[in-house]
Amino acid sequence: MIEVYIDGASAGNPGPSGAGIFIKGNGTVEKYAIPLGVMENHEAEFNALIKALEICIEKGYTIVSFRTDSQAVDRAIEKEYAKNKAYAPLLERALLLSKQLELFFMKWIPSSENKVADELARTAIRMC
């Protein structure tokens, strides 16, 4: 099973934003710092999930367990519903991508367990 740690961050709300993606499994480790442009923090969190799903699909990973410290993203995926309507298109995109995987899991973790993805997201902000 592949484990994917994701984090989105913004310098301001809205502000320059980035996605941090840390993937481990099958004896490999992958790190991605992806600049996202200017957006709100929750948008960055959803975009981190979308980018990570796209990477997993591109690499042919089929059984994937995602970890996020964003309760908003975790709850939205679990309920297949975005409380804030502005995030509905992002959630819809993420759900569509997740259905391309054989098995997809999402688990909320505390920020203290998501430090690598957080660092990558902050690096991505500096790349904006």
Protein backbone atom coordinates (compact mmCIF):
# COMPACT_ATOMS: atom_id res chain seq x y z
CA MET A 1 0.00 0.00 0.00
CA ILE A 2 1.15 3.52 -0.82
CA GLU A 3 0.90 6.19 1.89
CA VAL A 4 0.43 9.78 0.75
CA TYR A 5 0.79 12.72 3.14
CA ILE A 6 -0.65 15.98 1.80
CA ASP A 7 -0.72 19.55 2.96
CA GLY A 8 -1.75 22.86 1.48
CA ALA A 9 -0.54 26.19 2.80
CA SER A 10 -1.11 29.87 2.06
CA ALA A 11 0.89 32.95 3.03
CA GLY A 12 -2.19 35.06 3.70
CA ASN A 13 -5.80 34.11 3.15
CA PRO A 14 -5.87 34.47 0.21
CA GLY A 15 -2.19 34.59 -0.62
CA PRO A 16 0.60 32.75 -2.43
CA SER A 17 -0.08 29.04 -1.89
CA GLY A 18 1.60 25.70 -2.25
CA ALA A 19 0.96 21.98 -2.05
CA GLY A 20 3.23 19.56 -0.24
CA ILE A 21 3.02 15.88 -1.13
CA PHE A 22 5.05 13.14 0.53
CA ILE A 23 4.61 9.63 -0.87
CA LYS A 24 6.09 6.47 0.61
CA GLY A 25 5.65 2.82 -0.15
CA ASN A 26 7.07 0.01 -2.26
CA GLY A 27 10.49 0.89 -0.86
CA THR A 28 10.51 4.40 -2.33
CA VAL A 29 10.00 7.94 -1.09
CA GLU A 30 8.80 10.82 -3.27
CA LYS A 31 8.53 14.49 -2.34
CA TYR A 32 6.71 17.21 -4.25
CA ALA A 33 6.53 20.95 -3.59
CA ILE A 34 4.00 22.42 -6.03
CA PRO A 35 3.31 26.18 -6.26
CA LEU A 36 -0.43 26.82 -6.63
CA GLY A 37 -0.64 30.58 -7.14
CA VAL A 38 -2.87 32.85 -5.06
CA MET A 39 -5.76 31.17 -3.22
CA GLU A 40 -7.27 30.59 0.21
CA ASN A 41 -5.83 28.02 2.60
CA HIS A 42 -8.70 25.53 2.24
CA GLU A 43 -8.44 25.80 -1.55
CA ALA A 44 -4.74 24.94 -1.23
CA GLU A 45 -5.63 21.90 0.91
CA PHE A 46 -8.09 20.61 -1.70
CA ASN A 47 -5.63 21.32 -4.52
CA ALA A 48 -2.92 19.38 -2.68
CA LEU A 49 -5.28 16.39 -2.61
CA ILE A 50 -6.08 16.76 -6.32
CA LYS A 51 -2.39 17.06 -7.31
CA ALA A 52 -1.53 14.01 -5.18
CA LEU A 53 -4.35 11.97 -6.74
CA GLU A 54 -3.14 12.95 -10.22
CA ILE A 55 0.41 11.87 -9.35
CA CYS A 56 -0.80 8.52 -7.97
CA ILE A 57 -2.90 7.83 -11.07
CA GLU A 58 -0.02 8.82 -13.38
CA LYS A 59 2.36 6.50 -11.51
CA GLY A 60 -0.11 3.61 -11.61
CA TYR A 61 -0.62 3.37 -7.85
CA THR A 62 -3.91 1.56 -7.22
CA ILE A 63 -4.11 1.06 -3.44
CA VAL A 64 -3.50 4.37 -1.73
CA SER A 65 -3.96 5.67 1.81
CA PHE A 66 -4.00 9.46 2.12
CA ARG A 67 -3.17 11.39 5.29
CA THR A 68 -4.18 15.02 5.82
CA ASP A 69 -4.17 17.41 8.76
CA SER A 70 -7.07 19.32 7.18
CA GLN A 71 -10.30 18.41 8.92
CA ALA A 72 -12.23 20.27 6.20
CA VAL A 73 -10.79 18.05 3.45
CA ASP A 74 -11.11 14.87 5.50
CA ARG A 75 -14.77 15.54 6.35
CA ALA A 76 -15.62 16.62 2.80
CA ILE A 77 -14.19 13.39 1.37
CA GLU A 78 -15.87 11.25 4.03
CA LYS A 79 -19.29 12.85 3.52
CA GLU A 80 -18.83 13.59 -0.19
CA TYR A 81 -20.09 17.06 0.62
CA ALA A 82 -18.38 20.46 0.88
CA LYS A 83 -19.92 22.67 3.56
CA ASN A 84 -18.61 25.74 1.73
CA LYS A 85 -20.08 25.74 -1.79
CA ALA A 86 -16.93 27.43 -3.13
CA TYR A 87 -15.07 24.14 -2.57
CA ALA A 88 -17.71 21.91 -4.22
CA PRO A 89 -15.97 21.85 -7.66
CA LEU A 90 -12.65 20.94 -6.01
CA LEU A 91 -14.29 18.17 -3.99
CA GLU A 92 -16.06 16.88 -7.11
CA ARG A 93 -12.72 16.73 -8.97
CA ALA A 94 -11.04 14.92 -6.06
CA LEU A 95 -13.86 12.37 -5.77
CA LEU A 96 -13.78 11.73 -9.52
CA LEU A 97 -10.03 11.11 -9.39
CA SER A 98 -10.28 8.93 -6.27
CA LYS A 99 -12.71 6.60 -8.05
CA GLN A 100 -9.93 5.80 -10.55
CA LEU A 101 -8.03 4.04 -7.77
CA GLU A 102 -8.76 0.45 -6.78
CA LEU A 103 -8.74 1.37 -3.07
CA PHE A 104 -8.69 4.91 -1.69
CA PHE A 105 -8.54 5.76 2.00
CA MET A 106 -8.42 9.15 3.71
CA LYS A 107 -7.37 9.62 7.32
CA TRP A 108 -7.07 12.77 9.39
CA ILE A 109 -3.80 13.10 11.31
CA PRO A 110 -2.55 15.83 13.65
CA SER A 111 -0.21 18.45 12.18
CA SER A 112 2.64 17.00 14.25
CA GLU A 113 2.47 13.83 12.10
CA ASN A 114 2.40 15.77 8.82
CA LYS A 115 5.61 17.79 9.10
CA VAL A 116 7.23 16.63 5.85
CA ALA A 117 4.20 17.59 3.73
CA ASP A 118 3.90 20.88 5.62
CA GLU A 119 7.55 21.73 4.94
CA LEU A 120 7.07 20.90 1.25
CA ALA A 121 3.97 23.12 1.05
CA ARG A 122 5.90 26.01 2.61
CA THR A 123 8.75 25.44 0.14
CA ALA A 124 6.21 25.61 -2.69
CA ILE A 125 4.95 28.99 -1.42
CA ARG A 126 8.48 30.37 -1.71
CA MET A 127 8.54 29.17 -5.35
CA CYS A 128 5.46 31.30 -6.26
